Amino acid sequence: MGVAIRRGRAEDVDFVAELMSHEDVEPFLGAVTAKDRDTVAAEIERSEREPHDFGRFVIEADGEAAGTMGFELANRRSRIAQLEGLAVHPSFRGRRVSDAAARLLQDHLFRDLGYHRLQLEAYGFNERAQRHAERAGFVREGVRRAAYWRHNAWTDGALYGLVAEDAGVPWSIRFLHDYIGVHNECVRTGDWQPLLPWFADDAELLFEGAPVGPFRGVETIVTAYRERPPDDMVLTFRVDENDGIVEARYGWLRNPAVVAGRMLLTPAGERIGRLRVTFEEGLSWS
């Protein structure tokens, strides 16, 4: 069976709302999970408007809608996403559809969007969800004892987490996202000195489509950032690696659904040897 995931669309609202209200699904969902049509539609619209920070996905099995899953930004600085809303229609259960979909979502969140850590929580009585989390690679990290009032009783919340390194994300891709994380922290604080260890002594920084640079040498690069600092944080939408070069389609936090261009990073050992940043219109997320 071929399993795929995609962002929810307006035409999926009825399917998702009906699934979330199904008598064999709703009892295992969070009490505040979106279940009515209007709330589901609002979440799907937000997923399109804020693709880096929020997602509502439809799971497909052999091209047929089989379930749904989602995530939401939990901590921007530490790049943590909270997974939520996983539900597979009862007619597709027993085929490991949710396990395959979970791996696809992990790959997208770690590689493309640059999250460092994924976390989820399952009700203590939801043993199926806990078994799924462990099959999907998550580590059980603890329990919130008697944390939630559900079905007229207090129930535990089982906590699970997974980090990019444990999921097998290549070092070069993690390196790119860690660098962007440091860059964004420099934007927040106004202190660009933390960039120094990230560039090789003879590194190159080039911009295409902007009247600045090129800059050569780590001191020159950091000085350039200090004198003409970016005023917004970087987001990524898709990341690929070819012939040792990591390429990311990136955008800015102020326009979270718009791809601004590409970043092409060439490592030199454990530092950046060359970073080429383009400014291009009309690029898509994919």
Protein backbone atom coordinates (compact mmCIF):
# COMPACT_ATOMS: atom_id res chain seq x y z
CA MET A 1 0.00 0.00 0.00
CA GLY A 2 1.34 3.41 -0.99
CA VAL A 3 1.07 6.01 1.78
CA ALA A 4 1.51 9.75 1.18
CA ILE A 5 0.76 12.95 3.08
CA ARG A 6 -0.19 16.38 1.77
CA ARG A 7 -1.42 19.66 3.17
CA GLY A 8 -5.13 19.76 3.71
CA ARG A 9 -7.20 21.72 1.21
CA ALA A 10 -10.64 23.30 1.31
CA GLU A 11 -12.18 20.24 -0.33
CA ASP A 12 -10.92 18.09 2.57
CA VAL A 13 -12.92 19.88 5.27
CA ASP A 14 -15.89 17.51 5.24
CA PHE A 15 -13.68 14.40 5.33
CA VAL A 16 -11.62 15.69 8.26
CA ALA A 17 -14.63 16.93 10.25
CA GLU A 18 -16.45 13.61 9.78
CA LEU A 19 -13.35 11.62 10.73
CA MET A 20 -12.73 13.64 13.89
CA SER A 21 -16.35 13.11 14.94
CA HIS A 22 -16.39 9.37 14.20
CA GLU A 23 -17.54 7.32 17.20
CA ASP A 24 -14.39 5.16 17.05
CA VAL A 25 -12.04 8.16 16.75
CA GLU A 26 -13.37 11.07 18.84
CA PRO A 27 -13.00 9.38 22.28
CA PHE A 28 -9.21 9.15 21.78
CA LEU A 29 -8.68 12.75 20.62
CA GLY A 30 -7.95 15.73 22.81
CA ALA A 31 -11.07 17.34 24.19
CA VAL A 32 -10.30 20.61 22.37
CA THR A 33 -9.31 19.02 19.03
CA ALA A 34 -11.08 20.68 16.10
CA LYS A 35 -14.05 18.55 15.14
CA ASP A 36 -16.73 20.84 13.70
CA ARG A 37 -16.61 21.94 10.09
CA ASP A 38 -15.90 25.64 10.70
CA THR A 39 -13.01 25.01 13.08
CA VAL A 40 -11.49 22.40 10.77
CA ALA A 41 -11.77 24.83 7.84
CA ALA A 42 -10.04 27.55 9.87
CA GLU A 43 -7.17 25.21 10.74
CA ILE A 44 -6.69 24.13 7.13
CA GLU A 45 -6.63 27.78 6.06
CA ARG A 46 -4.04 28.54 8.73
CA SER A 47 -1.93 25.61 7.53
CA GLU A 48 -1.76 27.26 4.10
CA ARG A 49 -1.12 30.72 5.57
CA GLU A 50 1.58 29.65 8.08
CA PRO A 51 3.15 26.53 6.54
CA HIS A 52 6.29 26.61 8.67
CA ASP A 53 4.59 27.06 12.04
CA PHE A 54 1.35 25.12 11.63
CA GLY A 55 0.22 22.15 9.59
CA ARG A 56 -2.87 20.09 8.93
CA PHE A 57 -2.20 17.13 6.64
CA VAL A 58 -4.35 14.52 4.96
CA ILE A 59 -2.99 10.97 4.89
CA GLU A 60 -3.60 9.13 1.64
CA ALA A 61 -3.44 5.37 1.12
CA ASP A 62 -3.24 4.40 -2.56
CA GLY A 63 -4.62 7.84 -3.39
CA GLU A 64 -7.62 7.61 -1.06
CA ALA A 65 -8.06 9.87 1.97
CA ALA A 66 -7.36 7.66 4.99
CA GLY A 67 -6.60 9.97 7.90
CA THR A 68 -5.22 13.23 9.16
CA MET A 69 -2.35 14.52 11.27
CA GLY A 70 -0.86 17.87 12.24
CA PHE A 71 1.73 19.90 14.08
CA GLU A 72 2.15 23.30 15.67
CA LEU A 73 5.21 25.35 16.61
CA ALA A 74 5.90 24.96 20.33
CA ASN A 75 9.20 26.85 20.69
CA ARG A 76 10.72 28.94 17.89
CA ARG A 77 14.14 29.53 19.46
CA SER A 78 14.72 25.84 20.18
CA ARG A 79 12.84 24.67 17.07
CA ILE A 80 10.33 22.38 18.74
CA ALA A 81 7.10 21.19 17.12
CA GLN A 82 4.16 19.60 18.92
CA LEU A 83 2.50 16.80 16.94
CA GLU A 84 -1.26 16.49 17.28
CA GLY A 85 -4.49 15.37 15.71
CA LEU A 86 -3.38 11.98 14.34
CA ALA A 87 -6.42 9.97 13.29
CA VAL A 88 -6.81 7.12 10.81
CA HIS A 89 -10.22 6.03 9.60
CA PRO A 90 -11.17 2.67 11.17
CA SER A 91 -11.45 1.06 7.72
CA PHE A 92 -7.69 1.59 7.24
CA ARG A 93 -6.53 0.40 10.65
CA GLY A 94 -4.23 -2.59 10.97
CA ARG A 95 -2.23 -1.70 7.86
CA ARG A 96 0.42 0.51 9.54
CA VAL A 97 -0.86 3.55 7.63
CA SER A 98 -0.23 5.82 10.60
CA ASP A 99 3.34 4.53 11.03
CA ALA A 100 4.26 5.26 7.41
CA ALA A 101 2.58 8.68 7.56
CA ALA A 102 4.41 9.54 10.78
CA ARG A 103 7.78 8.87 9.14
CA LEU A 104 6.86 11.11 6.22
CA LEU A 105 5.83 13.92 8.54
CA GLN A 106 9.01 13.54 10.59
CA ASP A 107 11.11 13.81 7.44
CA HIS A 108 9.29 16.96 6.34
CA LEU A 109 9.53 18.66 9.72
CA PHE A 110 13.18 17.79 10.33
CA ARG A 111 14.65 18.13 6.83
CA ASP A 112 12.50 20.80 5.18
CA LEU A 113 11.17 22.98 7.98
CA GLY A 114 14.23 22.63 10.20
CA TYR A 115 12.72 21.52 13.47
CA HIS A 116 15.19 20.04 15.94
CA ARG A 117 12.73 18.25 18.20
CA LEU A 118 9.27 16.74 17.78
CA GLN A 119 7.08 15.91 20.74
CA LEU A 120 3.66 14.45 21.32
CA GLU A 121 1.39 13.43 24.16
CA ALA A 122 -1.13 10.60 24.37
CA TYR A 123 -3.80 9.89 26.93
CA GLY A 124 -2.79 7.17 29.36
CA PHE A 125 -5.74 5.02 28.28
CA ASN A 126 -4.83 5.32 24.58
CA GLU A 127 -2.52 2.33 24.33
CA ARG A 128 -2.85 2.22 20.54
CA ALA A 129 -1.39 5.74 20.24
CA GLN A 130 1.45 4.89 22.60
CA ARG A 131 2.39 1.77 20.65
CA HIS A 132 2.28 3.81 17.45
CA ALA A 133 4.60 6.49 18.90
CA GLU A 134 7.18 3.88 19.86
CA ARG A 135 7.00 2.15 16.46
CA ALA A 136 7.52 5.55 14.82
CA GLY A 137 10.78 6.05 16.74
CA PHE A 138 9.64 8.28 19.58
CA VAL A 139 11.17 7.85 23.03
CA ARG A 140 8.88 7.77 26.05
CA GLU A 141 10.11 10.61 28.24
CA GLY A 142 7.67 10.72 31.12
CA VAL A 143 4.13 10.97 32.33
CA ARG A 144 1.91 13.83 33.42
CA ARG A 145 0.10 12.10 36.26
CA ALA A 146 -3.68 12.51 36.37
CA ALA A 147 -3.32 15.57 34.15
CA TYR A 148 -6.52 15.56 32.10
CA TRP A 149 -10.21 15.23 32.81
CA ARG A 150 -11.57 12.96 30.08
CA HIS A 151 -14.57 10.64 30.02
CA ASN A 152 -15.53 11.65 33.57
CA ALA A 153 -12.21 10.62 35.10
CA TRP A 154 -8.66 11.90 35.53
CA THR A 155 -6.16 10.35 33.13
CA ASP A 156 -2.40 10.51 32.64
CA GLY A 157 -0.63 12.06 29.67
CA ALA A 158 2.22 9.95 28.25
CA LEU A 159 5.02 12.15 26.85
CA TYR A 160 7.15 11.25 23.84
CA GLY A 161 10.00 13.02 22.02
CA LEU A 162 12.24 12.60 18.99
CA VAL A 163 15.23 14.70 17.84
CA ALA A 164 16.60 15.11 14.33
CA GLU A 165 19.85 13.25 14.96
CA ASP A 166 18.00 10.20 16.27
CA ALA A 167 15.79 10.23 13.17
CA GLY A 168 18.83 9.88 10.89
CA VAL A 169 18.73 13.35 9.34
CA PRO A 170 22.10 13.89 7.58
CA TRP A 171 24.64 16.03 9.44
CA SER A 172 24.90 18.58 6.61
CA ILE A 173 21.16 19.30 6.72
CA ARG A 174 21.16 19.56 10.51
CA PHE A 175 24.17 21.87 10.19
CA LEU A 176 22.28 24.20 7.86
CA HIS A 177 19.30 24.39 10.19
CA ASP A 178 21.49 24.91 13.26
CA TYR A 179 23.25 27.76 11.46
CA ILE A 180 19.91 29.36 10.56
CA GLY A 181 18.90 29.01 14.21
CA VAL A 182 22.00 30.93 15.29
CA HIS A 183 21.38 33.52 12.56
CA ASN A 184 17.84 34.04 13.81
CA GLU A 185 19.03 34.42 17.39
CA CYS A 186 21.47 37.10 16.18
CA VAL A 187 18.55 38.89 14.53
CA ARG A 188 16.67 38.76 17.82
CA THR A 189 19.54 39.99 20.00
CA GLY A 190 21.40 42.28 17.57
CA ASP A 191 24.68 40.56 18.49
CA TRP A 192 26.36 39.02 15.42
CA GLN A 193 29.51 37.77 17.15
CA PRO A 194 28.06 34.22 17.53
CA LEU A 195 28.37 33.79 13.74
CA LEU A 196 32.18 33.79 13.91
CA PRO A 197 32.62 30.06 14.70
CA TRP A 198 30.27 29.05 11.90
CA PHE A 199 32.35 30.28 8.94
CA ALA A 200 35.71 28.98 7.76
CA ASP A 201 38.52 31.52 7.84
CA ASP A 202 38.40 31.89 4.03
CA ALA A 203 34.64 31.51 3.68
CA GLU A 204 32.62 33.22 0.93
CA LEU A 205 29.22 34.86 1.30
CA LEU A 206 27.51 35.79 -1.95
CA PHE A 207 24.14 37.39 -2.68
CA GLU A 208 22.33 37.14 -6.01
CA GLY A 209 19.55 39.62 -6.68
CA ALA A 210 20.65 42.06 -3.98
CA PRO A 211 23.21 44.89 -4.32
CA VAL A 212 25.56 43.68 -1.58
CA GLY A 213 28.74 41.63 -1.43
CA PRO A 214 30.41 39.39 -2.20
CA PHE A 215 32.19 39.02 1.15
CA ARG A 216 35.26 36.88 1.72
CA GLY A 217 36.81 35.90 5.03
CA VAL A 218 35.00 35.25 8.28
CA GLU A 219 35.80 38.63 9.84
CA THR A 220 34.55 40.46 6.75
CA ILE A 221 31.35 38.40 6.73
CA VAL A 222 30.54 39.04 10.38
CA THR A 223 31.33 42.74 9.95
CA ALA A 224 28.93 42.88 7.00
CA TYR A 225 26.14 41.37 9.07
CA ARG A 226 26.91 43.75 11.91
CA GLU A 227 26.89 46.85 9.69
CA ARG A 228 23.88 45.88 7.55
CA PRO A 229 21.95 43.40 9.68
CA PRO A 230 18.90 41.54 8.40
CA ASP A 231 15.77 42.69 10.20
CA ASP A 232 13.79 39.45 10.01
CA MET A 233 14.17 35.78 10.85
CA VAL A 234 14.64 33.10 8.19
CA LEU A 235 12.24 30.20 7.62
CA THR A 236 12.84 27.19 5.37
CA PHE A 237 10.28 25.33 3.30
CA ARG A 238 12.21 22.61 1.49
CA VAL A 239 15.79 21.35 1.75
CA ASP A 240 17.75 19.09 -0.62
CA GLU A 241 21.36 17.95 -0.78
CA ASN A 242 23.24 17.37 -4.03
CA ASP A 243 26.97 16.88 -4.60
CA GLY A 244 27.84 18.12 -1.12
CA ILE A 245 25.78 21.32 -1.41
CA VAL A 246 22.74 21.81 0.81
CA GLU A 247 20.02 23.86 -0.90
CA ALA A 248 17.11 25.39 0.99
CA ARG A 249 14.13 27.31 -0.28
CA TYR A 250 13.77 30.03 2.33
CA GLY A 251 11.52 32.90 3.29
CA TRP A 252 11.04 35.50 6.01
CA LEU A 253 8.94 35.32 9.13
CA ARG A 254 6.98 38.45 8.20
CA ASN A 255 5.74 36.70 5.01
CA PRO A 256 5.52 33.10 6.24
CA ALA A 257 3.95 31.62 3.10
CA VAL A 258 6.25 33.25 0.54
CA VAL A 259 9.50 31.74 -0.76
CA ALA A 260 12.06 34.54 -1.09
CA GLY A 261 14.82 32.56 -2.77
CA ARG A 262 17.40 29.84 -2.19
CA MET A 263 20.27 29.34 0.22
CA LEU A 264 23.09 27.10 -1.03
CA LEU A 265 25.56 26.07 1.67
CA THR A 266 28.84 24.26 1.02
CA PRO A 267 30.46 22.91 4.20
CA ALA A 268 34.22 23.09 4.77
CA GLY A 269 34.91 20.52 7.44
CA GLU A 270 32.55 21.44 10.26
CA ARG A 271 32.15 25.07 9.19
CA ILE A 272 30.66 26.96 6.25
CA GLY A 273 32.99 27.26 3.27
CA ARG A 274 30.56 29.00 0.94
CA LEU A 275 27.08 30.41 1.37
CA ARG A 276 25.19 31.67 -1.67
CA VAL A 277 21.87 33.42 -1.07
CA THR A 278 19.53 34.22 -3.94
CA PHE A 279 16.53 36.51 -4.09
CA GLU A 280 14.03 35.09 -6.58
CA GLU A 281 10.33 35.62 -7.18
CA GLY A 282 7.84 32.94 -8.07
CA LEU A 283 9.44 29.94 -6.36
CA SER A 284 7.05 27.43 -4.82
CA TRP A 285 7.43 25.51 -1.57
CA SER A 286 8.07 22.28 -3.48
